[in-house]
């Protein structure tokens, strides 16, 4: 099996390899963007815990879903997919916020 193609001895067209390279770069950027997003949401979780606010904010979530569905439509991305993707992220954020809220207050401030 050829290392360059993963499909056997036939070489893939340069355009396909180039597109795959672009996809790899975009995937890496997505991971870095998600990491930055989670740094921000962790800070939000610590602030919420310090203020005694609940881990989730349904009003904010609804606003974000509507905003991202609109952005997805404008970008030619399936808004249903965008909503599912955001729901997955929101669920993870809420889980983090619940974990932070359950920590002792002095630990939550330094997390």
PDB file of N, CA and C in Angstrom:
ATOM      1  N   UNK A   1       0.835  -1.171   0.000  1.00  0.00           N
ATOM      2  CA  UNK A   1       0.000   0.000   0.000  1.00  0.00           C
ATOM      3  C   UNK A   1       0.887   1.244   0.000  1.00  0.00           C
ATOM      4  N   UNK A   2       0.608   2.191  -0.851  1.00  0.00           N
ATOM      5  CA  UNK A   2       1.403   3.405  -0.963  1.00  0.00           C
ATOM      6  C   UNK A   2       1.114   4.331   0.215  1.00  0.00           C
ATOM      7  N   UNK A   3       2.180   4.872   0.832  1.00  0.00           N
ATOM      8  CA  UNK A   3       2.005   5.787   1.950  1.00  0.00           C
ATOM      9  C   UNK A   3       1.322   7.077   1.510  1.00  0.00           C
ATOM     10  N   UNK A   4       1.642   7.539   0.328  1.00  0.00           N
ATOM     11  CA  UNK A   4       1.105   8.814  -0.141  1.00  0.00           C
ATOM     12  C   UNK A   4      -0.393   8.773  -0.363  1.00  0.00           C
ATOM     13  N   UNK A   5      -0.901   7.596  -0.708  1.00  0.00           N
ATOM     14  CA  UNK A   5      -2.311   7.535  -1.064  1.00  0.00           C
ATOM     15  C   UNK A   5      -3.170   6.791  -0.068  1.00  0.00           C
ATOM     16  N   UNK A   6      -2.605   5.780   0.572  1.00  0.00           N
ATOM     17  CA  UNK A   6      -3.383   4.951   1.471  1.00  0.00           C
ATOM     18  C   UNK A   6      -4.351   4.043   0.735  1.00  0.00           C
ATOM     19  N   UNK A   7      -4.245   3.980  -0.599  1.00  0.00           N
ATOM     20  CA  UNK A   7      -5.202   3.199  -1.394  1.00  0.00           C
ATOM     21  C   UNK A   7      -4.548   2.134  -2.249  1.00  0.00           C
ATOM     22  N   UNK A   8      -3.263   1.966  -2.172  1.00  0.00           N
ATOM     23  CA  UNK A   8      -2.582   1.006  -3.032  1.00  0.00           C
ATOM     24  C   UNK A   8      -1.450   1.690  -3.767  1.00  0.00           C
ATOM     25  N   UNK A   9      -1.102   1.153  -4.915  1.00  0.00           N
ATOM     26  CA  UNK A   9       0.055   1.665  -5.646  1.00  0.00           C
ATOM     27  C   UNK A   9      -0.280   2.850  -6.546  1.00  0.00           C
ATOM     28  N   UNK A  10      -1.566   3.160  -6.760  1.00  0.00           N
ATOM     29  CA  UNK A  10      -1.951   4.262  -7.637  1.00  0.00           C
ATOM     30  C   UNK A  10      -1.758   5.601  -6.920  1.00  0.00           C
ATOM     31  N   UNK A  11      -1.054   6.497  -7.574  1.00  0.00           N
ATOM     32  CA  UNK A  11      -0.839   7.826  -7.008  1.00  0.00           C
ATOM     33  C   UNK A  11      -2.099   8.673  -7.177  1.00  0.00           C
ATOM     34  N   UNK A  12      -2.409   9.459  -6.148  1.00  0.00           N
ATOM     35  CA  UNK A  12      -3.576  10.344  -6.214  1.00  0.00           C
ATOM     36  C   UNK A  12      -3.223  11.614  -6.974  1.00  0.00           C
ATOM     37  N   UNK A  13      -4.213  12.214  -7.618  1.00  0.00           N
ATOM     38  CA  UNK A  13      -3.965  13.481  -8.323  1.00  0.00           C
ATOM     39  C   UNK A  13      -3.497  14.561  -7.347  1.00  0.00           C
ATOM     40  N   UNK A  14      -2.634  15.418  -7.847  1.00  0.00           N
ATOM     41  CA  UNK A  14      -2.081  16.505  -7.038  1.00  0.00           C
ATOM     42  C   UNK A  14      -3.192  17.364  -6.437  1.00  0.00           C
ATOM     43  N   UNK A  15      -4.259  17.608  -7.193  1.00  0.00           N
ATOM     44  CA  UNK A  15      -5.360  18.437  -6.697  1.00  0.00           C
ATOM     45  C   UNK A  15      -6.008  17.803  -5.457  1.00  0.00           C
ATOM     46  N   UNK A  16      -6.172  16.489  -5.461  1.00  0.00           N
ATOM     47  CA  UNK A  16      -6.751  15.792  -4.309  1.00  0.00           C
ATOM     48  C   UNK A  16      -5.829  15.912  -3.101  1.00  0.00           C
ATOM     49  N   UNK A  17      -4.542  15.733  -3.325  1.00  0.00           N
ATOM     50  CA  UNK A  17      -3.578  15.873  -2.233  1.00  0.00           C
ATOM     51  C   UNK A  17      -3.579  17.291  -1.677  1.00  0.00           C
ATOM     52  N   UNK A  18      -3.692  18.257  -2.560  1.00  0.00           N
ATOM     53  CA  UNK A  18      -3.734  19.655  -2.138  1.00  0.00           C
ATOM     54  C   UNK A  18      -4.985  19.937  -1.302  1.00  0.00           C
ATOM     55  N   UNK A  19      -6.130  19.436  -1.773  1.00  0.00           N
ATOM     56  CA  UNK A  19      -7.376  19.631  -1.022  1.00  0.00           C
ATOM     57  C   UNK A  19      -7.301  18.959   0.342  1.00  0.00           C
ATOM     58  N   UNK A  20      -6.731  17.773   0.389  1.00  0.00           N
ATOM     59  CA  UNK A  20      -6.571  17.090   1.668  1.00  0.00           C
ATOM     60  C   UNK A  20      -5.655  17.867   2.605  1.00  0.00           C
ATOM     61  N   UNK A  21      -4.630  18.472   2.048  1.00  0.00           N
ATOM     62  CA  UNK A  21      -3.754  19.314   2.859  1.00  0.00           C
ATOM     63  C   UNK A  21      -4.511  20.506   3.434  1.00  0.00           C
ATOM     64  N   UNK A  22      -5.359  21.105   2.610  1.00  0.00           N
ATOM     65  CA  UNK A  22      -6.182  22.216   3.087  1.00  0.00           C
ATOM     66  C   UNK A  22      -7.119  21.763   4.197  1.00  0.00           C
ATOM     67  N   UNK A  23      -7.733  20.600   4.020  1.00  0.00           N
ATOM     68  CA  UNK A  23      -8.626  20.054   5.048  1.00  0.00           C
ATOM     69  C   UNK A  23      -7.863  19.826   6.351  1.00  0.00           C
ATOM     70  N   UNK A  24      -6.663  19.274   6.248  1.00  0.00           N
ATOM     71  CA  UNK A  24      -5.848  19.045   7.448  1.00  0.00           C
ATOM     72  C   UNK A  24      -5.557  20.359   8.172  1.00  0.00           C
ATOM     73  N   UNK A  25      -5.239  21.404   7.414  1.00  0.00           N
ATOM     74  CA  UNK A  25      -4.966  22.708   8.023  1.00  0.00           C
ATOM     75  C   UNK A  25      -6.215  23.288   8.678  1.00  0.00           C
ATOM     76  N   UNK A  26      -7.348  23.152   8.021  1.00  0.00           N
ATOM     77  CA  UNK A  26      -8.603  23.649   8.581  1.00  0.00           C
ATOM     78  C   UNK A  26      -8.950  22.886   9.856  1.00  0.00           C
ATOM     79  N   UNK A  27      -8.775  21.560   9.836  1.00  0.00           N
ATOM     80  CA  UNK A  27      -9.030  20.752  11.036  1.00  0.00           C
ATOM     81  C   UNK A  27      -8.157  21.215  12.198  1.00  0.00           C
ATOM     82  N   UNK A  28      -6.892  21.481  11.921  1.00  0.00           N
ATOM     83  CA  UNK A  28      -5.989  21.960  12.977  1.00  0.00           C
ATOM     84  C   UNK A  28      -6.469  23.309  13.510  1.00  0.00           C
ATOM     85  N   UNK A  29      -6.888  24.190  12.613  1.00  0.00           N
ATOM     86  CA  UNK A  29      -7.395  25.496  13.045  1.00  0.00           C
ATOM     87  C   UNK A  29      -8.650  25.336  13.901  1.00  0.00           C
ATOM     88  N   UNK A  30      -9.532  24.416  13.515  1.00  0.00           N
ATOM     89  CA  UNK A  30     -10.744  24.169  14.310  1.00  0.00           C
ATOM     90  C   UNK A  30     -10.388  23.729  15.726  1.00  0.00           C
ATOM     91  N   UNK A  31      -9.432  22.842  15.848  1.00  0.00           N
ATOM     92  CA  UNK A  31      -9.021  22.362  17.175  1.00  0.00           C
ATOM     93  C   UNK A  31      -8.482  23.519  18.008  1.00  0.00           C
ATOM     94  N   UNK A  32      -7.647  24.358  17.402  1.00  0.00           N
ATOM     95  CA  UNK A  32      -7.087  25.497  18.142  1.00  0.00           C
ATOM     96  C   UNK A  32      -8.190  26.497  18.517  1.00  0.00           C
ATOM     97  N   UNK A  33      -9.132  26.720  17.620  1.00  0.00           N
ATOM     98  CA  UNK A  33     -10.247  27.625  17.924  1.00  0.00           C
ATOM     99  C   UNK A  33     -11.118  27.064  19.043  1.00  0.00           C
ATOM    100  N   UNK A  34     -11.384  25.771  19.005  1.00  0.00           N
ATOM    101  CA  UNK A  34     -12.163  25.158  20.086  1.00  0.00           C
ATOM    102  C   UNK A  34     -11.427  25.262  21.420  1.00  0.00           C
ATOM    103  N   UNK A  35     -10.117  25.068  21.405  1.00  0.00           N
ATOM    104  CA  UNK A  35      -9.337  25.201  22.639  1.00  0.00           C
ATOM    105  C   UNK A  35      -9.455  26.616  23.191  1.00  0.00           C
ATOM    106  N   UNK A  36      -9.360  27.618  22.325  1.00  0.00           N
ATOM    107  CA  UNK A  36      -9.518  29.012  22.764  1.00  0.00           C
ATOM    108  C   UNK A  36     -10.926  29.273  23.293  1.00  0.00           C
ATOM    109  N   UNK A  37     -11.919  28.712  22.609  1.00  0.00           N
ATOM    110  CA  UNK A  37     -13.306  28.874  23.052  1.00  0.00           C
ATOM    111  C   UNK A  37     -13.489  28.287  24.447  1.00  0.00           C
ATOM    112  N   UNK A  38     -12.921  27.100  24.665  1.00  0.00           N
ATOM    113  CA  UNK A  38     -13.067  26.464  25.973  1.00  0.00           C
ATOM    114  C   UNK A  38     -12.294  27.201  27.055  1.00  0.00           C
ATOM    115  N   UNK A  39     -11.207  27.871  26.722  1.00  0.00           N
ATOM    116  CA  UNK A  39     -10.527  28.716  27.713  1.00  0.00           C
ATOM    117  C   UNK A  39     -11.474  29.826  28.169  1.00  0.00           C
ATOM    118  N   UNK A  40     -12.177  30.420  27.222  1.00  0.00           N
ATOM    119  CA  UNK A  40     -13.135  31.483  27.557  1.00  0.00           C
ATOM    120  C   UNK A  40     -14.303  30.934  28.370  1.00  0.00           C
ATOM    121  N   UNK A  41     -14.839  29.784  27.964  1.00  0.00           N
ATOM    122  CA  UNK A  41     -15.990  29.242  28.690  1.00  0.00           C
ATOM    123  C   UNK A  41     -15.596  28.751  30.079  1.00  0.00           C
ATOM    124  N   UNK A  42     -14.344  28.319  30.249  1.00  0.00           N
ATOM    125  CA  UNK A  42     -13.884  27.953  31.594  1.00  0.00           C
ATOM    126  C   UNK A  42     -13.866  29.196  32.490  1.00  0.00           C
ATOM    127  N   UNK A  43     -13.420  30.311  31.941  1.00  0.00           N
ATOM    128  CA  UNK A  43     -13.422  31.561  32.704  1.00  0.00           C
ATOM    129  C   UNK A  43     -14.852  31.967  33.053  1.00  0.00           C
ATOM    130  N   UNK A  44     -15.760  31.804  32.102  1.00  0.00           N
ATOM    131  CA  UNK A  44     -17.172  32.093  32.368  1.00  0.00           C
ATOM    132  C   UNK A  44     -17.681  31.192  33.495  1.00  0.00           C
ATOM    133  N   UNK A  45     -17.319  29.918  33.437  1.00  0.00           N
ATOM    134  CA  UNK A  45     -17.743  28.973  34.480  1.00  0.00           C
ATOM    135  C   UNK A  45     -17.248  29.367  35.853  1.00  0.00           C
ATOM    136  N   UNK A  46     -16.004  29.833  35.932  1.00  0.00           N
ATOM    137  CA  UNK A  46     -15.472  30.282  37.223  1.00  0.00           C
ATOM    138  C   UNK A  46     -16.218  31.515  37.719  1.00  0.00           C
ATOM    139  N   UNK A  47     -16.509  32.446  36.807  1.00  0.00           N
ATOM    140  CA  UNK A  47     -17.266  33.645  37.199  1.00  0.00           C
ATOM    141  C   UNK A  47     -18.668  33.273  37.665  1.00  0.00           C
ATOM    142  N   UNK A  48     -19.328  32.383  36.935  1.00  0.00           N
ATOM    143  CA  UNK A  48     -20.668  31.943  37.334  1.00  0.00           C
ATOM    144  C   UNK A  48     -20.627  31.289  38.709  1.00  0.00           C
ATOM    145  N   UNK A  49     -19.656  30.419  38.944  1.00  0.00           N
ATOM    146  CA  UNK A  49     -19.544  29.740  40.234  1.00  0.00           C
ATOM    147  C   UNK A  49     -19.318  30.763  41.344  1.00  0.00           C
ATOM    148  N   UNK A  50     -18.456  31.722  41.098  1.00  0.00           N
ATOM    149  CA  UNK A  50     -18.150  32.758  42.093  1.00  0.00           C
ATOM    150  C   UNK A  50     -19.387  33.602  42.405  1.00  0.00           C
ATOM    151  N   UNK A  51     -20.214  33.857  41.380  1.00  0.00           N
ATOM    152  CA  UNK A  51     -21.413  34.677  41.549  1.00  0.00           C
ATOM    153  C   UNK A  51     -22.641  33.862  41.965  1.00  0.00           C
ATOM    154  N   UNK A  52     -22.490  32.541  42.033  1.00  0.00           N
ATOM    155  CA  UNK A  52     -23.608  31.684  42.404  1.00  0.00           C
ATOM    156  C   UNK A  52     -24.643  31.538  41.293  1.00  0.00           C
ATOM    157  N   UNK A  53     -24.217  31.730  40.050  1.00  0.00           N
ATOM    158  CA  UNK A  53     -25.124  31.609  38.908  1.00  0.00           C
ATOM    159  C   UNK A  53     -25.178  30.160  38.444  1.00  0.00           C
ATOM    160  N   UNK A  54     -26.287  29.760  37.824  1.00  0.00           N
ATOM    161  CA  UNK A  54     -26.395  28.378  37.352  1.00  0.00           C
ATOM    162  C   UNK A  54     -25.437  28.104  36.181  1.00  0.00           C
ATOM    163  N   UNK A  55     -25.051  26.835  36.024  1.00  0.00           N
ATOM    164  CA  UNK A  55     -24.120  26.476  34.944  1.00  0.00           C
ATOM    165  C   UNK A  55     -24.657  26.751  33.538  1.00  0.00           C
ATOM    166  N   UNK A  56     -25.971  26.655  33.353  1.00  0.00           N
ATOM    167  CA  UNK A  56     -26.505  26.889  32.010  1.00  0.00           C
ATOM    168  C   UNK A  56     -27.379  28.132  32.009  1.00  0.00           C
ATOM    169  N   UNK A  57     -27.471  28.737  30.831  1.00  0.00           N
ATOM    170  CA  UNK A  57     -28.280  29.943  30.617  1.00  0.00           C
ATOM    171  C   UNK A  57     -29.076  29.713  29.339  1.00  0.00           C
ATOM    172  N   UNK A  58     -30.317  29.239  29.500  1.00  0.00           N
ATOM    173  CA  UNK A  58     -31.131  28.862  28.336  1.00  0.00           C
ATOM    174  C   UNK A  58     -31.350  30.018  27.372  1.00  0.00           C
ATOM    175  N   UNK A  59     -31.518  31.222  27.899  1.00  0.00           N
ATOM    176  CA  UNK A  59     -31.722  32.379  27.031  1.00  0.00           C
ATOM    177  C   UNK A  59     -30.492  32.609  26.143  1.00  0.00           C
ATOM    178  N   UNK A  60     -29.322  32.562  26.748  1.00  0.00           N
ATOM    179  CA  UNK A  60     -28.072  32.731  25.992  1.00  0.00           C
ATOM    180  C   UNK A  60     -27.907  31.616  24.959  1.00  0.00           C
ATOM    181  N   UNK A  61     -28.219  30.374  25.361  1.00  0.00           N
ATOM    182  CA  UNK A  61     -28.098  29.247  24.443  1.00  0.00           C
ATOM    183  C   UNK A  61     -29.024  29.424  23.242  1.00  0.00           C
ATOM    184  N   UNK A  62     -30.252  29.851  23.491  1.00  0.00           N
ATOM    185  CA  UNK A  62     -31.201  30.071  22.388  1.00  0.00           C
ATOM    186  C   UNK A  62     -30.706  31.161  21.446  1.00  0.00           C
ATOM    187  N   UNK A  63     -30.153  32.235  22.010  1.00  0.00           N
ATOM    188  CA  UNK A  63     -29.598  33.312  21.187  1.00  0.00           C
ATOM    189  C   UNK A  63     -28.448  32.805  20.327  1.00  0.00           C
ATOM    190  N   UNK A  64     -27.559  32.016  20.939  1.00  0.00           N
ATOM    191  CA  UNK A  64     -26.417  31.479  20.200  1.00  0.00           C
ATOM    192  C   UNK A  64     -26.859  30.538  19.084  1.00  0.00           C
ATOM    193  N   UNK A  65     -27.830  29.693  19.373  1.00  0.00           N
ATOM    194  CA  UNK A  65     -28.321  28.763  18.360  1.00  0.00           C
ATOM    195  C   UNK A  65     -28.908  29.528  17.184  1.00  0.00           C
ATOM    196  N   UNK A  66     -29.737  30.526  17.466  1.00  0.00           N
ATOM    197  CA  UNK A  66     -30.340  31.316  16.385  1.00  0.00           C
ATOM    198  C   UNK A  66     -29.263  32.044  15.581  1.00  0.00           C
ATOM    199  N   UNK A  67     -28.285  32.626  16.277  1.00  0.00           N
ATOM    200  CA  UNK A  67     -27.215  33.369  15.606  1.00  0.00           C
ATOM    201  C   UNK A  67     -26.378  32.445  14.721  1.00  0.00           C
ATOM    202  N   UNK A  68     -26.022  31.269  15.242  1.00  0.00           N
ATOM    203  CA  UNK A  68     -25.180  30.366  14.466  1.00  0.00           C
ATOM    204  C   UNK A  68     -25.946  29.686  13.339  1.00  0.00           C
ATOM    205  N   UNK A  69     -27.238  29.453  13.519  1.00  0.00           N
ATOM    206  CA  UNK A  69     -28.039  28.931  12.404  1.00  0.00           C
ATOM    207  C   UNK A  69     -28.039  29.940  11.254  1.00  0.00           C
ATOM    208  N   UNK A  70     -28.196  31.218  11.596  1.00  0.00           N
ATOM    209  CA  UNK A  70     -28.189  32.271  10.582  1.00  0.00           C
ATOM    210  C   UNK A  70     -26.820  32.357   9.893  1.00  0.00           C
ATOM    211  N   UNK A  71     -25.759  32.318  10.691  1.00  0.00           N
ATOM    212  CA  UNK A  71     -24.407  32.335  10.114  1.00  0.00           C
ATOM    213  C   UNK A  71     -24.197  31.142   9.199  1.00  0.00           C
ATOM    214  N   UNK A  72     -24.672  29.978   9.617  1.00  0.00           N
ATOM    215  CA  UNK A  72     -24.523  28.774   8.799  1.00  0.00           C
ATOM    216  C   UNK A  72     -25.247  28.933   7.467  1.00  0.00           C
ATOM    217  N   UNK A  73     -26.462  29.437   7.519  1.00  0.00           N
ATOM    218  CA  UNK A  73     -27.220  29.643   6.280  1.00  0.00           C
ATOM    219  C   UNK A  73     -26.482  30.594   5.355  1.00  0.00           C
ATOM    220  N   UNK A  74     -25.974  31.701   5.922  1.00  0.00           N
ATOM    221  CA  UNK A  74     -25.235  32.677   5.117  1.00  0.00           C
ATOM    222  C   UNK A  74     -23.973  32.075   4.500  1.00  0.00           C
ATOM    223  N   UNK A  75     -23.371  31.110   5.208  1.00  0.00           N
ATOM    224  CA  UNK A  75     -22.130  30.496   4.734  1.00  0.00           C
ATOM    225  C   UNK A  75     -22.365  29.277   3.848  1.00  0.00           C
ATOM    226  N   UNK A  76     -23.632  28.919   3.635  1.00  0.00           N
ATOM    227  CA  UNK A  76     -23.927  27.751   2.813  1.00  0.00           C
ATOM    228  C   UNK A  76     -23.731  26.432   3.555  1.00  0.00           C
ATOM    229  N   UNK A  77     -23.804  26.483   4.883  1.00  0.00           N
ATOM    230  CA  UNK A  77     -23.669  25.291   5.716  1.00  0.00           C
ATOM    231  C   UNK A  77     -25.052  24.908   6.225  1.00  0.00           C
ATOM    232  N   UNK A  78     -25.325  23.636   6.290  1.00  0.00           N
ATOM    233  CA  UNK A  78     -26.615  23.150   6.772  1.00  0.00           C
ATOM    234  C   UNK A  78     -26.857  23.662   8.198  1.00  0.00           C
ATOM    235  N   UNK A  79     -27.899  24.475   8.423  1.00  0.00           N
ATOM    236  CA  UNK A  79     -28.150  25.020   9.762  1.00  0.00           C
ATOM    237  C   UNK A  79     -28.503  23.940  10.786  1.00  0.00           C
ATOM    238  N   UNK A  80     -29.078  22.835  10.336  1.00  0.00           N
ATOM    239  CA  UNK A  80     -29.372  21.733  11.258  1.00  0.00           C
ATOM    240  C   UNK A  80     -28.063  21.141  11.782  1.00  0.00           C
ATOM    241  N   UNK A  81     -27.101  20.952  10.892  1.00  0.00           N
ATOM    242  CA  UNK A  81     -25.787  20.471  11.310  1.00  0.00           C
ATOM    243  C   UNK A  81     -25.150  21.463  12.282  1.00  0.00           C
ATOM    244  N   UNK A  82     -25.203  22.752  11.955  1.00  0.00           N
ATOM    245  CA  UNK A  82     -24.603  23.778  12.810  1.00  0.00           C
ATOM    246  C   UNK A  82     -25.231  23.747  14.201  1.00  0.00           C
ATOM    247  N   UNK A  83     -26.544  23.569  14.259  1.00  0.00           N
ATOM    248  CA  UNK A  83     -27.227  23.517  15.555  1.00  0.00           C
ATOM    249  C   UNK A  83     -26.803  22.276  16.343  1.00  0.00           C
ATOM    250  N   UNK A  84     -26.698  21.144  15.676  1.00  0.00           N
ATOM    251  CA  UNK A  84     -26.257  19.920  16.354  1.00  0.00           C
ATOM    252  C   UNK A  84     -24.827  20.071  16.877  1.00  0.00           C
ATOM    253  N   UNK A  85     -23.984  20.671  16.074  1.00  0.00           N
ATOM    254  CA  UNK A  85     -22.591  20.888  16.471  1.00  0.00           C
ATOM    255  C   UNK A  85     -22.542  21.797  17.692  1.00  0.00           C
ATOM    256  N   UNK A  86     -23.300  22.891  17.659  1.00  0.00           N
ATOM    257  CA  UNK A  86     -23.318  23.813  18.791  1.00  0.00           C
ATOM    258  C   UNK A  86     -23.911  23.146  20.025  1.00  0.00           C
ATOM    259  N   UNK A  87     -24.952  22.338  19.855  1.00  0.00           N
ATOM    260  CA  UNK A  87     -25.560  21.644  20.993  1.00  0.00           C
ATOM    261  C   UNK A  87     -24.527  20.735  21.672  1.00  0.00           C
ATOM    262  N   UNK A  88     -23.703  20.073  20.869  1.00  0.00           N
ATOM    263  CA  UNK A  88     -22.649  19.222  21.418  1.00  0.00           C
ATOM    264  C   UNK A  88     -21.665  20.055  22.245  1.00  0.00           C
ATOM    265  N   UNK A  89     -21.269  21.192  21.711  1.00  0.00           N
ATOM    266  CA  UNK A  89     -20.329  22.073  22.413  1.00  0.00           C
ATOM    267  C   UNK A  89     -20.969  22.620  23.685  1.00  0.00           C
ATOM    268  N   UNK A  90     -22.215  23.070  23.593  1.00  0.00           N
ATOM    269  CA  UNK A  90     -22.907  23.617  24.759  1.00  0.00           C
ATOM    270  C   UNK A  90     -22.997  22.570  25.867  1.00  0.00           C
ATOM    271  N   UNK A  91     -23.328  21.341  25.510  1.00  0.00           N
ATOM    272  CA  UNK A  91     -23.418  20.271  26.515  1.00  0.00           C
ATOM    273  C   UNK A  91     -22.089  20.086  27.239  1.00  0.00           C
ATOM    274  N   UNK A  92     -20.995  20.154  26.497  1.00  0.00           N
ATOM    275  CA  UNK A  92     -19.669  20.009  27.101  1.00  0.00           C
ATOM    276  C   UNK A  92     -19.354  21.207  27.998  1.00  0.00           C
ATOM    277  N   UNK A  93     -19.710  22.401  27.560  1.00  0.00           N
ATOM    278  CA  UNK A  93     -19.486  23.607  28.356  1.00  0.00           C
ATOM    279  C   UNK A  93     -20.265  23.520  29.673  1.00  0.00           C
ATOM    280  N   UNK A  94     -21.526  23.108  29.592  1.00  0.00           N
ATOM    281  CA  UNK A  94     -22.348  22.991  30.804  1.00  0.00           C
ATOM    282  C   UNK A  94     -21.734  21.965  31.757  1.00  0.00           C
ATOM    283  N   UNK A  95     -21.259  20.854  31.203  1.00  0.00           N
ATOM    284  CA  UNK A  95     -20.606  19.846  32.047  1.00  0.00           C
ATOM    285  C   UNK A  95     -19.399  20.451  32.762  1.00  0.00           C
ATOM    286  N   UNK A  96     -18.596  21.232  32.040  1.00  0.00           N
ATOM    287  CA  UNK A  96     -17.444  21.903  32.664  1.00  0.00           C
ATOM    288  C   UNK A  96     -17.910  22.862  33.754  1.00  0.00           C
ATOM    289  N   UNK A  97     -18.967  23.637  33.465  1.00  0.00           N
ATOM    290  CA  UNK A  97     -19.462  24.602  34.440  1.00  0.00           C
ATOM    291  C   UNK A  97     -19.993  23.900  35.688  1.00  0.00           C
ATOM    292  N   UNK A  98     -20.649  22.769  35.500  1.00  0.00           N
ATOM    293  CA  UNK A  98     -21.134  21.995  36.650  1.00  0.00           C
ATOM    294  C   UNK A  98     -19.962  21.489  37.483  1.00  0.00           C
ATOM    295  N   UNK A  99     -18.912  21.027  36.806  1.00  0.00           N
ATOM    296  CA  UNK A  99     -17.720  20.568  37.525  1.00  0.00           C
ATOM    297  C   UNK A  99     -17.091  21.710  38.314  1.00  0.00           C
ATOM    298  N   UNK A 100     -16.988  22.862  37.699  1.00  0.00           N
ATOM    299  CA  UNK A 100     -16.402  24.026  38.369  1.00  0.00           C
ATOM    300  C   UNK A 100     -17.261  24.422  39.561  1.00  0.00           C
ATOM    301  N   UNK A 101     -18.584  24.453  39.382  1.00  0.00           N
ATOM    302  CA  UNK A 101     -19.495  24.854  40.457  1.00  0.00           C
ATOM    303  C   UNK A 101     -19.439  23.886  41.630  1.00  0.00           C
ATOM    304  N   UNK A 102     -19.122  22.633  41.367  1.00  0.00           N
ATOM    305  CA  UNK A 102     -19.090  21.637  42.441  1.00  0.00           C
ATOM    306  C   UNK A 102     -17.766  21.642  43.201  1.00  0.00           C
ATOM    307  N   UNK A 103     -16.778  22.350  42.683  1.00  0.00           N
ATOM    308  CA  UNK A 103     -15.487  22.443  43.371  1.00  0.00           C
ATOM    309  C   UNK A 103     -15.607  23.388  44.554  1.00  0.00           C
ATOM    310  N   UNK A 104     -14.659  23.258  45.468  1.00  0.00           N
ATOM    311  CA  UNK A 104     -14.607  24.223  46.573  1.00  0.00           C
ATOM    312  C   UNK A 104     -14.352  25.606  45.971  1.00  0.00           C
ATOM    313  N   UNK A 105     -14.932  26.666  46.542  1.00  0.00           N
ATOM    314  CA  UNK A 105     -14.802  28.016  45.962  1.00  0.00           C
ATOM    315  C   UNK A 105     -13.367  28.445  45.695  1.00  0.00           C
ATOM    316  N   UNK A 106     -12.431  28.144  46.603  1.00  0.00           N
ATOM    317  CA  UNK A 106     -11.052  28.588  46.361  1.00  0.00           C
ATOM    318  C   UNK A 106     -10.417  27.843  45.194  1.00  0.00           C
ATOM    319  N   UNK A 107     -10.818  26.592  44.939  1.00  0.00           N
ATOM    320  CA  UNK A 107     -10.303  25.850  43.781  1.00  0.00           C
ATOM    321  C   UNK A 107     -10.912  26.371  42.500  1.00  0.00           C
ATOM    322  N   UNK A 108     -12.203  26.722  42.512  1.00  0.00           N
ATOM    323  CA  UNK A 108     -12.878  27.211  41.308  1.00  0.00           C
ATOM    324  C   UNK A 108     -12.234  28.502  40.825  1.00  0.00           C
ATOM    325  N   UNK A 109     -11.742  29.328  41.756  1.00  0.00           N
ATOM    326  CA  UNK A 109     -11.133  30.602  41.360  1.00  0.00           C
ATOM    327  C   UNK A 109      -9.783  30.401  40.689  1.00  0.00           C
ATOM    328  N   UNK A 110      -9.119  29.289  40.958  1.00  0.00           N
ATOM    329  CA  UNK A 110      -7.785  29.057  40.396  1.00  0.00           C
ATOM    330  C   UNK A 110      -7.769  28.028  39.287  1.00  0.00           C
ATOM    331  N   UNK A 111      -8.921  27.505  38.908  1.00  0.00           N
ATOM    332  CA  UNK A 111      -8.978  26.452  37.880  1.00  0.00           C
ATOM    333  C   UNK A 111      -8.625  26.977  36.519  1.00  0.00           C
TER     334      UNK A 111
END
